[in-house]
């Protein structure tokens, strides 16, 4: 009985250590991203990237974010949104 309990305890400690390591690595990645983000001089672009980063961090694994950051940033801060085929050009 003691052997079984010690094995369960050891396995629980291994899982806890794995979770702590993942949390530490995630925190480290966020800190590096924030450091790089602070170097963006355009305040509007920086705010957009911050908002998208927050959405990515807060979105559960496997769920799609509201919009993909690559799509938003590819347009650039001054670009117009693409028109749908139903809109009249003019």
C-alpha atoms as a PDB file:
ATOM      1  CA  UNK A   1       0.000   0.000   0.000  1.00  0.00           C
ATOM      2  CA  UNK A   2       2.833   2.380   0.842  1.00  0.00           C
ATOM      3  CA  UNK A   3       4.479   1.692  -2.554  1.00  0.00           C
ATOM      4  CA  UNK A   4       1.248   2.477  -4.429  1.00  0.00           C
ATOM      5  CA  UNK A   5       0.751   5.735  -2.527  1.00  0.00           C
ATOM      6  CA  UNK A   6       4.359   6.848  -3.064  1.00  0.00           C
ATOM      7  CA  UNK A   7       4.091   6.105  -6.807  1.00  0.00           C
ATOM      8  CA  UNK A   8       0.916   8.198  -7.067  1.00  0.00           C
ATOM      9  CA  UNK A   9       2.549  11.017  -5.132  1.00  0.00           C
ATOM     10  CA  UNK A  10       5.638  10.923  -7.349  1.00  0.00           C
ATOM     11  CA  UNK A  11       3.525  10.981 -10.517  1.00  0.00           C
ATOM     12  CA  UNK A  12       1.547  13.916  -9.132  1.00  0.00           C
ATOM     13  CA  UNK A  13       4.775  15.793  -8.410  1.00  0.00           C
ATOM     14  CA  UNK A  14       6.041  15.119 -11.944  1.00  0.00           C
ATOM     15  CA  UNK A  15       2.806  16.508 -13.407  1.00  0.00           C
ATOM     16  CA  UNK A  16       2.971  19.559 -11.130  1.00  0.00           C
ATOM     17  CA  UNK A  17       6.575  20.229 -12.165  1.00  0.00           C
ATOM     18  CA  UNK A  18       5.612  19.943 -15.847  1.00  0.00           C
ATOM     19  CA  UNK A  19       2.767  22.423 -15.402  1.00  0.00           C
ATOM     20  CA  UNK A  20       5.016  24.870 -13.532  1.00  0.00           C
ATOM     21  CA  UNK A  21       7.634  24.658 -16.300  1.00  0.00           C
ATOM     22  CA  UNK A  22       5.014  25.312 -19.007  1.00  0.00           C
ATOM     23  CA  UNK A  23       3.716  28.294 -17.044  1.00  0.00           C
ATOM     24  CA  UNK A  24       7.235  29.658 -16.625  1.00  0.00           C
ATOM     25  CA  UNK A  25       7.988  29.307 -20.363  1.00  0.00           C
ATOM     26  CA  UNK A  26       4.696  30.967 -21.293  1.00  0.00           C
ATOM     27  CA  UNK A  27       5.409  33.869 -18.940  1.00  0.00           C
ATOM     28  CA  UNK A  28       8.887  34.226 -20.398  1.00  0.00           C
ATOM     29  CA  UNK A  29       7.505  34.307 -23.981  1.00  0.00           C
ATOM     30  CA  UNK A  30       4.976  36.985 -23.015  1.00  0.00           C
ATOM     31  CA  UNK A  31       7.697  39.108 -21.386  1.00  0.00           C
ATOM     32  CA  UNK A  32       9.896  38.889 -24.500  1.00  0.00           C
ATOM     33  CA  UNK A  33       6.943  39.803 -26.731  1.00  0.00           C
ATOM     34  CA  UNK A  34       6.072  42.789 -24.535  1.00  0.00           C
ATOM     35  CA  UNK A  35       9.678  43.964 -24.616  1.00  0.00           C
ATOM     36  CA  UNK A  36       9.705  43.886 -28.419  1.00  0.00           C
ATOM     37  CA  UNK A  37       6.277  45.478 -28.579  1.00  0.00           C
ATOM     38  CA  UNK A  38       7.497  48.429 -26.523  1.00  0.00           C
ATOM     39  CA  UNK A  39       9.876  49.285 -29.367  1.00  0.00           C
ATOM     40  CA  UNK A  40       7.010  49.912 -31.834  1.00  0.00           C
ATOM     41  CA  UNK A  41       6.925  53.675 -32.321  1.00  0.00           C
ATOM     42  CA  UNK A  42       3.472  54.009 -33.959  1.00  0.00           C
ATOM     43  CA  UNK A  43       0.982  54.160 -31.060  1.00  0.00           C
ATOM     44  CA  UNK A  44      -2.005  52.983 -33.152  1.00  0.00           C
ATOM     45  CA  UNK A  45      -0.124  49.980 -34.486  1.00  0.00           C
ATOM     46  CA  UNK A  46       1.229  49.183 -31.013  1.00  0.00           C
ATOM     47  CA  UNK A  47      -2.295  49.318 -29.545  1.00  0.00           C
ATOM     48  CA  UNK A  48      -3.637  47.023 -32.284  1.00  0.00           C
ATOM     49  CA  UNK A  49      -0.855  44.510 -31.734  1.00  0.00           C
ATOM     50  CA  UNK A  50      -1.369  44.670 -27.962  1.00  0.00           C
ATOM     51  CA  UNK A  51      -5.083  43.993 -28.382  1.00  0.00           C
ATOM     52  CA  UNK A  52      -4.479  41.069 -30.723  1.00  0.00           C
ATOM     53  CA  UNK A  53      -1.815  39.666 -28.398  1.00  0.00           C
ATOM     54  CA  UNK A  54      -4.225  39.856 -25.474  1.00  0.00           C
ATOM     55  CA  UNK A  55      -6.854  38.001 -27.507  1.00  0.00           C
ATOM     56  CA  UNK A  56      -4.374  35.265 -28.372  1.00  0.00           C
ATOM     57  CA  UNK A  57      -3.315  34.880 -24.747  1.00  0.00           C
ATOM     58  CA  UNK A  58      -6.895  34.811 -23.456  1.00  0.00           C
ATOM     59  CA  UNK A  59      -8.342  32.561 -26.177  1.00  0.00           C
ATOM     60  CA  UNK A  60      -8.562  28.936 -25.010  1.00  0.00           C
ATOM     61  CA  UNK A  61      -6.477  26.413 -26.936  1.00  0.00           C
ATOM     62  CA  UNK A  62      -8.184  25.282 -30.099  1.00  0.00           C
ATOM     63  CA  UNK A  63     -10.597  28.229 -30.277  1.00  0.00           C
ATOM     64  CA  UNK A  64     -10.332  30.708 -33.118  1.00  0.00           C
ATOM     65  CA  UNK A  65      -9.572  34.300 -32.085  1.00  0.00           C
ATOM     66  CA  UNK A  66     -12.027  36.988 -33.171  1.00  0.00           C
ATOM     67  CA  UNK A  67      -9.703  38.018 -36.009  1.00  0.00           C
ATOM     68  CA  UNK A  68      -6.252  36.854 -36.952  1.00  0.00           C
ATOM     69  CA  UNK A  69      -3.479  39.414 -36.240  1.00  0.00           C
ATOM     70  CA  UNK A  70      -1.758  38.652 -39.555  1.00  0.00           C
ATOM     71  CA  UNK A  71      -4.890  39.731 -41.450  1.00  0.00           C
ATOM     72  CA  UNK A  72      -5.205  42.995 -39.534  1.00  0.00           C
ATOM     73  CA  UNK A  73      -1.527  43.905 -39.729  1.00  0.00           C
ATOM     74  CA  UNK A  74      -1.173  42.955 -43.401  1.00  0.00           C
ATOM     75  CA  UNK A  75      -3.471  45.842 -44.298  1.00  0.00           C
ATOM     76  CA  UNK A  76      -1.327  48.361 -42.481  1.00  0.00           C
ATOM     77  CA  UNK A  77      -2.610  51.151 -40.266  1.00  0.00           C
ATOM     78  CA  UNK A  78      -3.703  53.438 -43.147  1.00  0.00           C
ATOM     79  CA  UNK A  79      -5.022  50.833 -45.591  1.00  0.00           C
ATOM     80  CA  UNK A  80      -8.714  50.591 -46.368  1.00  0.00           C
ATOM     81  CA  UNK A  81     -10.594  47.401 -45.711  1.00  0.00           C
ATOM     82  CA  UNK A  82     -11.196  45.340 -48.851  1.00  0.00           C
ATOM     83  CA  UNK A  83     -14.627  45.837 -50.357  1.00  0.00           C
ATOM     84  CA  UNK A  84     -16.997  42.969 -50.782  1.00  0.00           C
ATOM     85  CA  UNK A  85     -18.127  42.093 -54.301  1.00  0.00           C
ATOM     86  CA  UNK A  86     -21.604  43.482 -53.554  1.00  0.00           C
ATOM     87  CA  UNK A  87     -20.414  47.061 -52.916  1.00  0.00           C
ATOM     88  CA  UNK A  88     -20.489  49.624 -55.675  1.00  0.00           C
ATOM     89  CA  UNK A  89     -17.133  51.129 -56.592  1.00  0.00           C
ATOM     90  CA  UNK A  90     -16.902  54.802 -57.092  1.00  0.00           C
END
